[in-house]
Amino acid sequence: MLKQIRSWLNVTFGIPIVGFLRTWILNVIIGNVPWAMIRNFYYRKVCRISIGKNTEIWSGVRFAGGAMDKISIGDYCTIPHYTFFVAGDSIVIGNNVVFGHGVELYTSDHDPDDPYFSRRDAPITIHDNVWIGSSAIILKGVTIGEGAVVAAGSVVTRDVEAFNIVGGNPAKLIRERGTRTFK
């Protein structure tokens, strides 16, 4: 009987409290520590996020979801304040990727046709040399090709071809980039 009560308490209170505290500590305390070395240590060792060399993850970046260990950020990337990762599936970011402030990445949504709004997950992939403008939203299942640019405030619901510039809600092709080489 005591074993059943302990099990019930753990499932009912323990697991949700640990999950809440983990997210709260990550986003409220660690995410606002002014020293990048401490933040990156926590992201790498506790959350198991893969972070490349010379990548800057500024304070105020927030994380949610059960697949944080499937987040991979390449070399020489800049992830500034107020970026929000929702990792229900993998998020793979290539090398030399620059985000503006407040970019949001959602690998999960809910099925509006399901009476229980079941969750749907799909990965996000961002290739090398991409610039994503401030307050852009990248939704589940999207791949952004090499050298692409996403305009500020855009909502990306479909794949973006390499070297294209997209913008709007939903994001649409504006034009192709004039450059295709990077040093």
N, C-alpha and C. Protein backbone atom coordinates (compact mmCIF):
# COMPACT_ATOMS: atom_id res chain seq x y z
N MET A 1 0.82 -1.20 0.00
CA MET A 1 0.00 0.00 0.00
C MET A 1 0.87 1.26 0.00
N LEU A 2 1.88 1.28 0.87
CA LEU A 2 2.78 2.42 0.94
C LEU A 2 3.51 2.63 -0.39
N LYS A 3 3.89 1.53 -1.03
CA LYS A 3 4.57 1.59 -2.33
C LYS A 3 3.66 2.21 -3.38
N GLN A 4 2.37 1.87 -3.37
CA GLN A 4 1.42 2.42 -4.33
C GLN A 4 1.21 3.90 -4.09
N ILE A 5 1.13 4.31 -2.84
CA ILE A 5 0.96 5.73 -2.51
C ILE A 5 2.19 6.51 -2.97
N ARG A 6 3.38 5.98 -2.69
CA ARG A 6 4.62 6.64 -3.10
C ARG A 6 4.69 6.76 -4.62
N SER A 7 4.31 5.72 -5.33
CA SER A 7 4.30 5.74 -6.79
C SER A 7 3.32 6.78 -7.32
N TRP A 8 2.13 6.83 -6.72
CA TRP A 8 1.12 7.80 -7.13
C TRP A 8 1.60 9.22 -6.90
N LEU A 9 2.20 9.47 -5.73
CA LEU A 9 2.73 10.80 -5.42
C LEU A 9 3.82 11.21 -6.41
N ASN A 10 4.70 10.26 -6.74
CA ASN A 10 5.78 10.55 -7.69
C ASN A 10 5.23 10.94 -9.06
N VAL A 11 4.29 10.16 -9.56
CA VAL A 11 3.72 10.43 -10.89
C VAL A 11 2.88 11.71 -10.86
N THR A 12 2.08 11.88 -9.82
CA THR A 12 1.17 13.01 -9.75
C THR A 12 1.87 14.33 -9.47
N PHE A 13 2.85 14.30 -8.59
CA PHE A 13 3.50 15.54 -8.20
C PHE A 13 4.98 15.60 -8.56
N GLY A 14 5.70 14.52 -8.36
CA GLY A 14 7.15 14.52 -8.53
C GLY A 14 7.61 14.83 -9.93
N ILE A 15 7.10 14.08 -10.91
CA ILE A 15 7.54 14.27 -12.29
C ILE A 15 7.17 15.67 -12.80
N PRO A 16 5.92 16.14 -12.61
CA PRO A 16 5.61 17.50 -13.08
C PRO A 16 6.44 18.58 -12.38
N ILE A 17 6.70 18.41 -11.09
CA ILE A 17 7.49 19.41 -10.36
C ILE A 17 8.92 19.43 -10.86
N VAL A 18 9.52 18.27 -11.07
CA VAL A 18 10.89 18.21 -11.59
C VAL A 18 10.96 18.84 -12.98
N GLY A 19 9.98 18.52 -13.83
CA GLY A 19 9.94 19.13 -15.17
C GLY A 19 9.81 20.63 -15.12
N PHE A 20 8.93 21.12 -14.24
CA PHE A 20 8.76 22.56 -14.07
C PHE A 20 10.04 23.20 -13.59
N LEU A 21 10.65 22.62 -12.55
CA LEU A 21 11.88 23.20 -12.01
C LEU A 21 13.01 23.19 -13.03
N ARG A 22 13.12 22.11 -13.80
CA ARG A 22 14.17 22.04 -14.83
C ARG A 22 14.01 23.18 -15.83
N THR A 23 12.79 23.38 -16.31
CA THR A 23 12.54 24.45 -17.28
C THR A 23 12.72 25.81 -16.64
N TRP A 24 12.24 25.97 -15.42
CA TRP A 24 12.35 27.25 -14.73
C TRP A 24 13.81 27.61 -14.48
N ILE A 25 14.58 26.65 -13.98
CA ILE A 25 16.01 26.90 -13.73
C ILE A 25 16.72 27.25 -15.03
N LEU A 26 16.42 26.51 -16.09
CA LEU A 26 17.05 26.76 -17.39
C LEU A 26 16.74 28.15 -17.91
N ASN A 27 15.47 28.53 -17.92
CA ASN A 27 15.06 29.78 -18.58
C ASN A 27 15.12 31.01 -17.68
N VAL A 28 14.93 30.86 -16.39
CA VAL A 28 14.92 32.02 -15.50
C VAL A 28 16.30 32.28 -14.90
N ILE A 29 16.98 31.23 -14.51
CA ILE A 29 18.28 31.42 -13.85
C ILE A 29 19.42 31.30 -14.86
N ILE A 30 19.61 30.13 -15.43
CA ILE A 30 20.75 29.89 -16.32
C ILE A 30 20.70 30.81 -17.54
N GLY A 31 19.54 30.94 -18.16
CA GLY A 31 19.41 31.77 -19.36
C GLY A 31 19.75 33.23 -19.16
N ASN A 32 19.76 33.69 -17.90
CA ASN A 32 20.06 35.09 -17.62
C ASN A 32 21.38 35.30 -16.91
N VAL A 33 22.16 34.24 -16.76
CA VAL A 33 23.50 34.39 -16.19
C VAL A 33 24.33 35.23 -17.17
N PRO A 34 25.02 36.25 -16.68
CA PRO A 34 25.74 37.14 -17.60
C PRO A 34 27.00 36.55 -18.23
N TRP A 35 27.43 35.36 -17.80
CA TRP A 35 28.66 34.78 -18.33
C TRP A 35 28.33 33.64 -19.29
N ALA A 36 28.64 33.83 -20.56
CA ALA A 36 28.33 32.84 -21.59
C ALA A 36 28.97 31.49 -21.30
N MET A 37 30.14 31.49 -20.71
CA MET A 37 30.83 30.24 -20.43
C MET A 37 29.99 29.35 -19.49
N ILE A 38 29.36 29.95 -18.50
CA ILE A 38 28.52 29.20 -17.56
C ILE A 38 27.25 28.72 -18.26
N ARG A 39 26.60 29.61 -19.03
CA ARG A 39 25.39 29.22 -19.77
C ARG A 39 25.69 28.07 -20.71
N ASN A 40 26.76 28.20 -21.49
CA ASN A 40 27.09 27.16 -22.47
C ASN A 40 27.46 25.84 -21.81
N PHE A 41 28.13 25.89 -20.66
CA PHE A 41 28.43 24.67 -19.92
C PHE A 41 27.12 23.96 -19.55
N TYR A 42 26.16 24.70 -19.03
CA TYR A 42 24.88 24.12 -18.63
C TYR A 42 24.14 23.57 -19.85
N TYR A 43 24.10 24.35 -20.94
CA TYR A 43 23.43 23.89 -22.16
C TYR A 43 24.05 22.59 -22.67
N ARG A 44 25.38 22.54 -22.67
CA ARG A 44 26.08 21.35 -23.20
C ARG A 44 25.97 20.15 -22.27
N LYS A 45 26.22 20.34 -21.00
CA LYS A 45 26.34 19.21 -20.07
C LYS A 45 25.00 18.76 -19.50
N VAL A 46 24.12 19.68 -19.14
CA VAL A 46 22.86 19.32 -18.52
C VAL A 46 21.77 19.08 -19.57
N CYS A 47 21.66 20.03 -20.52
CA CYS A 47 20.61 19.90 -21.56
C CYS A 47 21.06 19.06 -22.74
N ARG A 48 22.37 18.81 -22.84
CA ARG A 48 22.97 18.03 -23.92
C ARG A 48 22.72 18.66 -25.30
N ILE A 49 22.75 19.99 -25.35
CA ILE A 49 22.65 20.71 -26.62
C ILE A 49 24.04 20.75 -27.24
N SER A 50 24.14 20.46 -28.53
CA SER A 50 25.42 20.51 -29.23
C SER A 50 25.65 21.94 -29.72
N ILE A 51 26.75 22.55 -29.28
CA ILE A 51 27.06 23.94 -29.63
C ILE A 51 28.45 23.98 -30.24
N GLY A 52 28.56 24.52 -31.45
CA GLY A 52 29.82 24.60 -32.17
C GLY A 52 30.76 25.65 -31.62
N LYS A 53 31.98 25.66 -32.17
CA LYS A 53 33.00 26.61 -31.71
C LYS A 53 32.64 28.03 -32.13
N ASN A 54 32.99 28.96 -31.27
CA ASN A 54 32.77 30.40 -31.49
C ASN A 54 31.31 30.74 -31.76
N THR A 55 30.41 29.97 -31.25
CA THR A 55 28.98 30.28 -31.36
C THR A 55 28.57 31.04 -30.12
N GLU A 56 27.82 32.12 -30.32
CA GLU A 56 27.36 32.97 -29.22
C GLU A 56 25.88 32.74 -28.97
N ILE A 57 25.56 32.30 -27.77
CA ILE A 57 24.17 32.22 -27.33
C ILE A 57 24.02 33.26 -26.23
N TRP A 58 23.35 34.34 -26.56
CA TRP A 58 23.24 35.47 -25.64
C TRP A 58 22.31 35.14 -24.48
N SER A 59 22.35 35.96 -23.45
CA SER A 59 21.44 35.77 -22.32
C SER A 59 20.01 36.03 -22.79
N GLY A 60 19.06 35.43 -22.10
CA GLY A 60 17.65 35.63 -22.43
C GLY A 60 17.10 34.67 -23.46
N VAL A 61 17.92 33.75 -23.97
CA VAL A 61 17.43 32.72 -24.89
C VAL A 61 16.65 31.70 -24.06
N ARG A 62 15.50 31.25 -24.57
CA ARG A 62 14.65 30.32 -23.82
C ARG A 62 14.50 29.01 -24.57
N PHE A 63 14.32 27.94 -23.80
CA PHE A 63 14.17 26.60 -24.35
C PHE A 63 12.97 25.92 -23.71
N ALA A 64 12.26 25.10 -24.50
CA ALA A 64 11.16 24.28 -23.98
C ALA A 64 11.11 23.00 -24.81
N GLY A 65 10.47 21.99 -24.25
CA GLY A 65 10.30 20.74 -24.99
C GLY A 65 11.18 19.63 -24.48
N GLY A 66 10.80 18.43 -24.82
CA GLY A 66 11.50 17.25 -24.33
C GLY A 66 12.64 16.77 -25.20
N ALA A 67 12.94 17.47 -26.29
CA ALA A 67 14.01 17.02 -27.20
C ALA A 67 15.16 18.02 -27.26
N MET A 68 15.49 18.64 -26.12
CA MET A 68 16.59 19.60 -26.12
C MET A 68 17.90 18.96 -26.51
N ASP A 69 18.04 17.66 -26.23
CA ASP A 69 19.26 16.95 -26.61
C ASP A 69 19.35 16.76 -28.12
N LYS A 70 18.30 17.11 -28.85
CA LYS A 70 18.32 17.02 -30.32
C LYS A 70 18.53 18.39 -30.97
N ILE A 71 18.93 19.39 -30.16
CA ILE A 71 19.28 20.70 -30.71
C ILE A 71 20.77 20.69 -31.02
N SER A 72 21.11 21.07 -32.24
CA SER A 72 22.50 21.14 -32.67
C SER A 72 22.73 22.48 -33.36
N ILE A 73 23.69 23.26 -32.84
CA ILE A 73 24.01 24.57 -33.39
C ILE A 73 25.45 24.54 -33.86
N GLY A 74 25.68 24.91 -35.11
CA GLY A 74 27.00 24.82 -35.72
C GLY A 74 27.99 25.86 -35.22
N ASP A 75 29.10 25.98 -35.94
CA ASP A 75 30.17 26.92 -35.61
C ASP A 75 29.82 28.33 -36.07
N TYR A 76 30.33 29.31 -35.34
CA TYR A 76 30.25 30.73 -35.70
C TYR A 76 28.81 31.22 -35.90
N CYS A 77 27.91 30.78 -35.04
CA CYS A 77 26.52 31.23 -35.09
C CYS A 77 26.28 32.28 -34.02
N THR A 78 25.26 33.11 -34.23
CA THR A 78 24.85 34.09 -33.24
C THR A 78 23.37 33.90 -32.95
N ILE A 79 23.07 33.60 -31.69
CA ILE A 79 21.70 33.39 -31.23
C ILE A 79 21.45 34.47 -30.16
N PRO A 80 20.78 35.58 -30.52
CA PRO A 80 20.66 36.71 -29.60
C PRO A 80 19.48 36.60 -28.63
N HIS A 81 19.32 37.68 -27.85
CA HIS A 81 18.27 37.78 -26.83
C HIS A 81 16.90 37.38 -27.38
N TYR A 82 16.12 36.76 -26.51
CA TYR A 82 14.70 36.46 -26.73
C TYR A 82 14.43 35.42 -27.81
N THR A 83 15.46 34.71 -28.27
CA THR A 83 15.21 33.59 -29.17
C THR A 83 14.54 32.49 -28.36
N PHE A 84 13.59 31.78 -28.98
CA PHE A 84 12.81 30.77 -28.27
C PHE A 84 12.81 29.48 -29.07
N PHE A 85 13.36 28.41 -28.47
CA PHE A 85 13.41 27.09 -29.08
C PHE A 85 12.33 26.22 -28.44
N VAL A 86 11.41 25.67 -29.22
CA VAL A 86 10.47 24.66 -28.74
C VAL A 86 10.87 23.36 -29.42
N ALA A 87 11.51 22.48 -28.66
CA ALA A 87 12.12 21.27 -29.22
C ALA A 87 11.30 20.03 -28.87
N GLY A 88 10.29 19.75 -29.68
CA GLY A 88 9.59 18.49 -29.60
C GLY A 88 10.24 17.47 -30.52
N ASP A 89 11.05 17.98 -31.45
CA ASP A 89 11.82 17.16 -32.39
C ASP A 89 13.14 17.89 -32.60
N SER A 90 13.98 17.42 -33.50
CA SER A 90 15.31 18.00 -33.66
C SER A 90 15.27 19.39 -34.30
N ILE A 91 16.24 20.20 -33.87
CA ILE A 91 16.51 21.50 -34.48
C ILE A 91 17.99 21.48 -34.82
N VAL A 92 18.30 21.53 -36.12
CA VAL A 92 19.68 21.49 -36.57
C VAL A 92 19.99 22.80 -37.27
N ILE A 93 20.98 23.51 -36.75
CA ILE A 93 21.39 24.80 -37.29
C ILE A 93 22.82 24.66 -37.79
N GLY A 94 23.06 25.02 -39.03
CA GLY A 94 24.38 24.87 -39.65
C GLY A 94 25.38 25.90 -39.13
N ASN A 95 26.46 26.08 -39.88
CA ASN A 95 27.52 27.01 -39.53
C ASN A 95 27.21 28.41 -40.06
N ASN A 96 27.75 29.43 -39.38
CA ASN A 96 27.64 30.83 -39.83
C ASN A 96 26.19 31.27 -39.99
N VAL A 97 25.34 30.90 -39.06
CA VAL A 97 23.94 31.29 -39.08
C VAL A 97 23.75 32.43 -38.09
N VAL A 98 23.02 33.46 -38.52
CA VAL A 98 22.78 34.63 -37.68
C VAL A 98 21.28 34.80 -37.50
N PHE A 99 20.85 34.88 -36.25
CA PHE A 99 19.46 35.16 -35.92
C PHE A 99 19.36 36.62 -35.48
N GLY A 100 18.22 37.26 -35.79
CA GLY A 100 17.88 38.53 -35.18
C GLY A 100 17.25 38.26 -33.82
N HIS A 101 16.97 39.32 -33.07
CA HIS A 101 16.34 39.18 -31.76
C HIS A 101 14.93 38.59 -31.89
N GLY A 102 14.58 37.75 -30.95
CA GLY A 102 13.21 37.26 -30.85
C GLY A 102 12.78 36.24 -31.89
N VAL A 103 13.72 35.55 -32.51
CA VAL A 103 13.36 34.47 -33.45
C VAL A 103 12.75 33.32 -32.64
N GLU A 104 11.70 32.70 -33.18
CA GLU A 104 11.05 31.58 -32.51
C GLU A 104 11.04 30.37 -33.43
N LEU A 105 11.42 29.20 -32.89
CA LEU A 105 11.45 27.95 -33.65
C LEU A 105 10.53 26.95 -32.95
N TYR A 106 9.50 26.48 -33.67
CA TYR A 106 8.53 25.56 -33.11
C TYR A 106 8.55 24.24 -33.88
N THR A 107 9.02 23.17 -33.25
CA THR A 107 9.01 21.86 -33.91
C THR A 107 7.72 21.11 -33.62
N SER A 108 6.82 21.70 -32.88
CA SER A 108 5.57 21.05 -32.50
C SER A 108 4.38 21.95 -32.76
N ASP A 109 3.26 21.32 -33.08
CA ASP A 109 1.98 22.00 -33.10
C ASP A 109 0.92 20.98 -32.69
N HIS A 110 -0.33 21.34 -32.84
CA HIS A 110 -1.41 20.43 -32.46
C HIS A 110 -2.37 20.28 -33.64
N ASP A 111 -2.89 19.07 -33.81
CA ASP A 111 -3.80 18.76 -34.91
C ASP A 111 -5.17 19.36 -34.63
N PRO A 112 -5.59 20.37 -35.41
CA PRO A 112 -6.87 21.02 -35.15
C PRO A 112 -8.07 20.12 -35.47
N ASP A 113 -7.85 19.04 -36.25
CA ASP A 113 -8.94 18.14 -36.60
C ASP A 113 -9.10 16.98 -35.63
N ASP A 114 -8.18 16.83 -34.71
CA ASP A 114 -8.26 15.78 -33.71
C ASP A 114 -9.07 16.33 -32.52
N PRO A 115 -10.06 15.59 -32.05
CA PRO A 115 -10.85 16.10 -30.92
C PRO A 115 -10.02 16.33 -29.66
N TYR A 116 -8.85 15.68 -29.56
CA TYR A 116 -7.99 15.86 -28.40
C TYR A 116 -6.77 16.74 -28.71
N PHE A 117 -6.76 17.34 -29.89
CA PHE A 117 -5.66 18.22 -30.32
C PHE A 117 -4.30 17.55 -30.11
N SER A 118 -4.16 16.33 -30.63
CA SER A 118 -2.90 15.59 -30.45
C SER A 118 -1.72 16.39 -31.01
N ARG A 119 -0.60 16.23 -30.35
CA ARG A 119 0.61 16.95 -30.73
C ARG A 119 1.25 16.31 -31.95
N ARG A 120 1.77 17.17 -32.84
CA ARG A 120 2.51 16.71 -34.02
C ARG A 120 3.89 17.35 -33.98
N ASP A 121 4.91 16.53 -34.17
CA ASP A 121 6.30 17.00 -34.15
C ASP A 121 6.95 16.76 -35.50
N ALA A 122 7.82 17.68 -35.90
CA ALA A 122 8.63 17.51 -37.11
C ALA A 122 9.88 18.38 -36.94
N PRO A 123 11.02 17.96 -37.49
CA PRO A 123 12.27 18.69 -37.28
C PRO A 123 12.33 20.00 -38.06
N ILE A 124 13.25 20.85 -37.62
CA ILE A 124 13.60 22.07 -38.33
C ILE A 124 15.07 21.97 -38.68
N THR A 125 15.42 22.27 -39.94
CA THR A 125 16.81 22.26 -40.38
C THR A 125 17.13 23.60 -41.03
N ILE A 126 18.21 24.22 -40.56
CA ILE A 126 18.67 25.49 -41.11
C ILE A 126 20.10 25.26 -41.58
N HIS A 127 20.33 25.41 -42.88
CA HIS A 127 21.65 25.14 -43.45
C HIS A 127 22.62 26.30 -43.20
N ASP A 128 23.84 26.19 -43.70
CA ASP A 128 24.91 27.16 -43.47
C ASP A 128 24.59 28.52 -44.09
N ASN A 129 25.20 29.57 -43.48
CA ASN A 129 25.20 30.93 -44.01
C ASN A 129 23.80 31.52 -44.19
N VAL A 130 22.93 31.25 -43.23
CA VAL A 130 21.55 31.75 -43.28
C VAL A 130 21.42 32.92 -42.31
N TRP A 131 20.61 33.91 -42.70
CA TRP A 131 20.27 35.02 -41.82
C TRP A 131 18.77 35.00 -41.61
N ILE A 132 18.36 34.96 -40.35
CA ILE A 132 16.94 34.99 -40.01
C ILE A 132 16.68 36.27 -39.25
N GLY A 133 15.85 37.14 -39.80
CA GLY A 133 15.57 38.46 -39.23
C GLY A 133 14.81 38.39 -37.91
N SER A 134 14.84 39.48 -37.18
CA SER A 134 14.20 39.57 -35.88
C SER A 134 12.72 39.21 -35.94
N SER A 135 12.27 38.55 -34.90
CA SER A 135 10.87 38.17 -34.69
C SER A 135 10.31 37.25 -35.75
N ALA A 136 11.16 36.60 -36.53
CA ALA A 136 10.68 35.60 -37.48
C ALA A 136 10.27 34.34 -36.72
N ILE A 137 9.31 33.62 -37.27
CA ILE A 137 8.84 32.37 -36.67
C ILE A 137 9.05 31.26 -37.69
N ILE A 138 9.73 30.20 -37.26
CA ILE A 138 9.99 29.05 -38.11
C ILE A 138 9.17 27.89 -37.55
N LEU A 139 8.30 27.31 -38.37
CA LEU A 139 7.40 26.26 -37.90
C LEU A 139 7.93 24.87 -38.23
N LYS A 140 7.30 23.87 -37.64
CA LYS A 140 7.75 22.48 -37.73
C LYS A 140 7.87 22.00 -39.17
N GLY A 141 8.86 21.13 -39.39
CA GLY A 141 9.03 20.50 -40.69
C GLY A 141 9.72 21.35 -41.74
N VAL A 142 10.17 22.54 -41.39
CA VAL A 142 10.76 23.47 -42.36
C VAL A 142 12.26 23.22 -42.49
N THR A 143 12.74 23.30 -43.74
CA THR A 143 14.17 23.30 -44.03
C THR A 143 14.48 24.61 -44.74
N ILE A 144 15.50 25.32 -44.24
CA ILE A 144 15.94 26.58 -44.85
C ILE A 144 17.28 26.31 -45.50
N GLY A 145 17.34 26.53 -46.83
CA GLY A 145 18.53 26.20 -47.61
C GLY A 145 19.70 27.13 -47.37
N GLU A 146 20.86 26.70 -47.82
CA GLU A 146 22.10 27.46 -47.64
C GLU A 146 21.97 28.87 -48.20
N GLY A 147 22.49 29.84 -47.45
CA GLY A 147 22.57 31.21 -47.91
C GLY A 147 21.24 31.95 -47.98
N ALA A 148 20.17 31.36 -47.49
CA ALA A 148 18.86 32.00 -47.55
C ALA A 148 18.76 33.13 -46.52
N VAL A 149 17.80 34.03 -46.76
CA VAL A 149 17.50 35.13 -45.85
C VAL A 149 16.01 35.11 -45.57
N VAL A 150 15.66 35.17 -44.28
CA VAL A 150 14.26 35.25 -43.87
C VAL A 150 14.05 36.65 -43.29
N ALA A 151 13.15 37.43 -43.89
CA ALA A 151 12.92 38.81 -43.46
C ALA A 151 12.34 38.86 -42.06
N ALA A 152 12.56 39.96 -41.38
CA ALA A 152 12.06 40.15 -40.02
C ALA A 152 10.54 40.02 -39.99
N GLY A 153 10.05 39.37 -38.94
CA GLY A 153 8.62 39.23 -38.75
C GLY A 153 7.94 38.18 -39.61
N SER A 154 8.68 37.45 -40.39
CA SER A 154 8.10 36.44 -41.28
C SER A 154 7.66 35.21 -40.51
N VAL A 155 6.67 34.51 -41.07
CA VAL A 155 6.25 33.22 -40.54
C VAL A 155 6.53 32.19 -41.62
N VAL A 156 7.53 31.33 -41.37
CA VAL A 156 7.98 30.36 -42.37
C VAL A 156 7.24 29.04 -42.13
N THR A 157 6.38 28.69 -43.08
CA THR A 157 5.57 27.47 -42.96
C THR A 157 6.00 26.40 -43.95
N ARG A 158 6.83 26.78 -44.93
CA ARG A 158 7.30 25.85 -45.97
C ARG A 158 8.79 25.99 -46.15
N ASP A 159 9.40 25.01 -46.80
CA ASP A 159 10.85 25.04 -47.05
C ASP A 159 11.24 26.29 -47.83
N VAL A 160 12.46 26.77 -47.55
CA VAL A 160 13.03 27.91 -48.26
C VAL A 160 14.22 27.40 -49.06
N GLU A 161 14.20 27.64 -50.35
CA GLU A 161 15.29 27.18 -51.22
C GLU A 161 16.58 27.94 -50.92
N ALA A 162 17.71 27.33 -51.26
CA ALA A 162 19.02 27.96 -51.06
C ALA A 162 19.08 29.30 -51.79
N PHE A 163 19.70 30.27 -51.13
CA PHE A 163 19.97 31.60 -51.68
C PHE A 163 18.71 32.40 -52.03
N ASN A 164 17.57 32.03 -51.46
CA ASN A 164 16.35 32.81 -51.65
C ASN A 164 16.14 33.75 -50.47
N ILE A 165 15.49 34.87 -50.75
CA ILE A 165 15.05 35.80 -49.71
C ILE A 165 13.54 35.69 -49.64
N VAL A 166 13.03 35.40 -48.42
CA VAL A 166 11.59 35.26 -48.23
C VAL A 166 11.12 36.22 -47.16
N GLY A 167 9.83 36.57 -47.21
CA GLY A 167 9.27 37.43 -46.18
C GLY A 167 7.76 37.36 -46.20
N GLY A 168 7.16 37.79 -45.10
CA GLY A 168 5.71 37.87 -45.00
C GLY A 168 5.12 36.78 -44.13
N ASN A 169 3.77 36.80 -44.07
CA ASN A 169 3.02 35.81 -43.30
C ASN A 169 1.86 35.30 -44.14
N PRO A 170 2.00 34.10 -44.69
CA PRO A 170 3.16 33.19 -44.63
C PRO A 170 4.29 33.71 -45.53
N ALA A 171 5.51 33.28 -45.23
CA ALA A 171 6.67 33.74 -45.98
C ALA A 171 6.59 33.31 -47.43
N LYS A 172 6.86 34.27 -48.32
CA LYS A 172 6.86 34.01 -49.77
C LYS A 172 8.17 34.52 -50.36
N LEU A 173 8.50 34.01 -51.53
CA LEU A 173 9.73 34.41 -52.21
C LEU A 173 9.67 35.90 -52.55
N ILE A 174 10.71 36.63 -52.15
CA ILE A 174 10.86 38.03 -52.54
C ILE A 174 11.77 38.10 -53.76
N ARG A 175 12.93 37.46 -53.65
CA ARG A 175 13.86 37.38 -54.78
C ARG A 175 14.99 36.44 -54.40
N GLU A 176 15.87 36.16 -55.37
CA GLU A 176 17.08 35.40 -55.09
C GLU A 176 18.17 36.34 -54.64
N ARG A 177 19.09 35.83 -53.82
CA ARG A 177 20.22 36.64 -53.37
C ARG A 177 21.18 36.88 -54.52
N GLY A 178 21.88 37.99 -54.47
CA GLY A 178 22.85 38.33 -55.50
C GLY A 178 24.17 37.62 -55.33
N THR A 179 24.46 37.13 -54.14
CA THR A 179 25.71 36.44 -53.89
C THR A 179 25.48 34.96 -53.61
N ARG A 180 26.43 34.15 -54.06
CA ARG A 180 26.35 32.71 -53.80
C ARG A 180 27.65 32.15 -53.27
N THR A 181 28.57 33.04 -52.94
CA THR A 181 29.86 32.60 -52.39
C THR A 181 30.09 33.27 -51.05
N PHE A 182 30.72 32.53 -50.15
CA PHE A 182 31.00 33.03 -48.81
C PHE A 182 32.45 32.71 -48.49
N LYS A 183 33.11 33.66 -47.83
CA LYS A 183 34.51 33.45 -47.45
C LYS A 183 34.61 33.05 -46.01
